Amino acid sequence: METFQRYRMEIDLRRRSYTPPVLPEGYFIEKWSPTLVDAHATAHYMSFRDEIDARLFENFRTYKG
């Protein structure tokens, strides 16, 4: 049996002011929309599929999560 230490990072963004980041050319920030679900699922899967979390959670291991 393997065990893994899990850490959780949280920050309350409602009480935080910040300067919007300068993004590289061709990048932009977009408000969330349900039309982005497929793109998000692809990015999520590609980001986590080979990480240790994928060994623990099926939603990181498969595209359909």
C-alpha atoms as a PDB file:
ATOM      1  CA  MET A   1       0.000   0.000   0.000  1.00  0.00           C
ATOM      2  CA  GLU A   2       1.233   3.454  -0.893  1.00  0.00           C
ATOM      3  CA  THR A   3       0.230   6.586   0.961  1.00  0.00           C
ATOM      4  CA  PHE A   4       0.463  10.161  -0.235  1.00  0.00           C
ATOM      5  CA  GLN A   5       0.494  13.384   1.742  1.00  0.00           C
ATOM      6  CA  ARG A   6      -2.142  15.727   0.331  1.00  0.00           C
ATOM      7  CA  TYR A   7      -1.954  19.502   0.575  1.00  0.00           C
ATOM      8  CA  ARG A   8      -4.703  21.950  -0.151  1.00  0.00           C
ATOM      9  CA  MET A   9      -4.103  25.572  -1.028  1.00  0.00           C
ATOM     10  CA  GLU A  10      -6.903  28.054  -0.582  1.00  0.00           C
ATOM     11  CA  ILE A  11      -7.174  31.804  -0.881  1.00  0.00           C
ATOM     12  CA  ASP A  12     -10.231  34.040  -0.601  1.00  0.00           C
ATOM     13  CA  LEU A  13     -10.090  36.039  -3.826  1.00  0.00           C
ATOM     14  CA  ARG A  14     -13.125  38.144  -2.892  1.00  0.00           C
ATOM     15  CA  ARG A  15     -11.064  40.162  -0.424  1.00  0.00           C
ATOM     16  CA  ARG A  16      -7.990  40.505  -2.556  1.00  0.00           C
ATOM     17  CA  SER A  17      -7.078  43.232  -4.997  1.00  0.00           C
ATOM     18  CA  TYR A  18      -4.510  42.623  -7.653  1.00  0.00           C
ATOM     19  CA  THR A  19      -3.162  44.003 -10.873  1.00  0.00           C
ATOM     20  CA  PRO A  20      -4.231  41.933 -13.880  1.00  0.00           C
ATOM     21  CA  PRO A  21      -1.272  39.961 -15.237  1.00  0.00           C
ATOM     22  CA  VAL A  22       0.518  40.844 -18.449  1.00  0.00           C
ATOM     23  CA  LEU A  23      -0.152  37.925 -20.773  1.00  0.00           C
ATOM     24  CA  PRO A  24       2.072  36.671 -23.584  1.00  0.00           C
ATOM     25  CA  GLU A  25       1.044  37.596 -27.099  1.00  0.00           C
ATOM     26  CA  GLY A  26      -1.860  35.488 -28.293  1.00  0.00           C
ATOM     27  CA  TYR A  27      -3.171  34.775 -24.764  1.00  0.00           C
ATOM     28  CA  PHE A  28      -6.243  36.309 -23.182  1.00  0.00           C
ATOM     29  CA  ILE A  29      -8.422  35.913 -20.115  1.00  0.00           C
ATOM     30  CA  GLU A  30     -11.960  34.834 -20.848  1.00  0.00           C
ATOM     31  CA  LYS A  31     -14.985  34.752 -18.570  1.00  0.00           C
ATOM     32  CA  TRP A  32     -16.180  31.199 -17.897  1.00  0.00           C
ATOM     33  CA  SER A  33     -18.893  29.907 -20.178  1.00  0.00           C
ATOM     34  CA  PRO A  34     -20.411  26.435 -20.532  1.00  0.00           C
ATOM     35  CA  THR A  35     -19.141  26.460 -24.133  1.00  0.00           C
ATOM     36  CA  LEU A  36     -15.618  26.079 -22.684  1.00  0.00           C
ATOM     37  CA  VAL A  37     -16.297  22.708 -21.013  1.00  0.00           C
ATOM     38  CA  ASP A  38     -14.695  20.612 -23.784  1.00  0.00           C
ATOM     39  CA  ALA A  39     -11.587  22.802 -23.984  1.00  0.00           C
ATOM     40  CA  HIS A  40     -11.290  22.734 -20.191  1.00  0.00           C
ATOM     41  CA  ALA A  41     -11.664  18.948 -20.092  1.00  0.00           C
ATOM     42  CA  THR A  42      -8.889  18.573 -22.674  1.00  0.00           C
ATOM     43  CA  ALA A  43      -6.540  20.921 -20.817  1.00  0.00           C
ATOM     44  CA  HIS A  44      -7.341  19.234 -17.477  1.00  0.00           C
ATOM     45  CA  TYR A  45      -6.691  15.754 -18.840  1.00  0.00           C
ATOM     46  CA  MET A  46      -3.476  16.737 -20.637  1.00  0.00           C
ATOM     47  CA  SER A  47      -2.193  18.496 -17.501  1.00  0.00           C
ATOM     48  CA  PHE A  48      -2.822  15.708 -14.994  1.00  0.00           C
ATOM     49  CA  ARG A  49      -2.839  12.405 -16.896  1.00  0.00           C
ATOM     50  CA  ASP A  50       0.771  11.487 -16.008  1.00  0.00           C
ATOM     51  CA  GLU A  51       0.874  13.079 -12.554  1.00  0.00           C
ATOM     52  CA  ILE A  52       0.748  11.283  -9.213  1.00  0.00           C
ATOM     53  CA  ASP A  53      -2.853  12.439  -8.703  1.00  0.00           C
ATOM     54  CA  ALA A  54      -3.878  10.295 -11.681  1.00  0.00           C
ATOM     55  CA  ARG A  55      -2.848   7.235  -9.703  1.00  0.00           C
ATOM     56  CA  LEU A  56      -5.218   8.287  -6.938  1.00  0.00           C
ATOM     57  CA  PHE A  57      -8.206   9.728  -8.784  1.00  0.00           C
ATOM     58  CA  GLU A  58      -9.816   8.415 -11.955  1.00  0.00           C
ATOM     59  CA  ASN A  59     -11.056  11.895 -12.904  1.00  0.00           C
ATOM     60  CA  PHE A  60      -7.388  12.852 -13.495  1.00  0.00           C
ATOM     61  CA  ARG A  61      -6.599   9.618 -15.321  1.00  0.00           C
ATOM     62  CA  THR A  62      -9.276   9.581 -18.012  1.00  0.00           C
ATOM     63  CA  TYR A  63     -10.502  12.188 -20.467  1.00  0.00           C
ATOM     64  CA  LYS A  64     -14.120  11.847 -19.364  1.00  0.00           C
ATOM     65  CA  GLY A  65     -13.026  12.080 -15.699  1.00  0.00           C
END
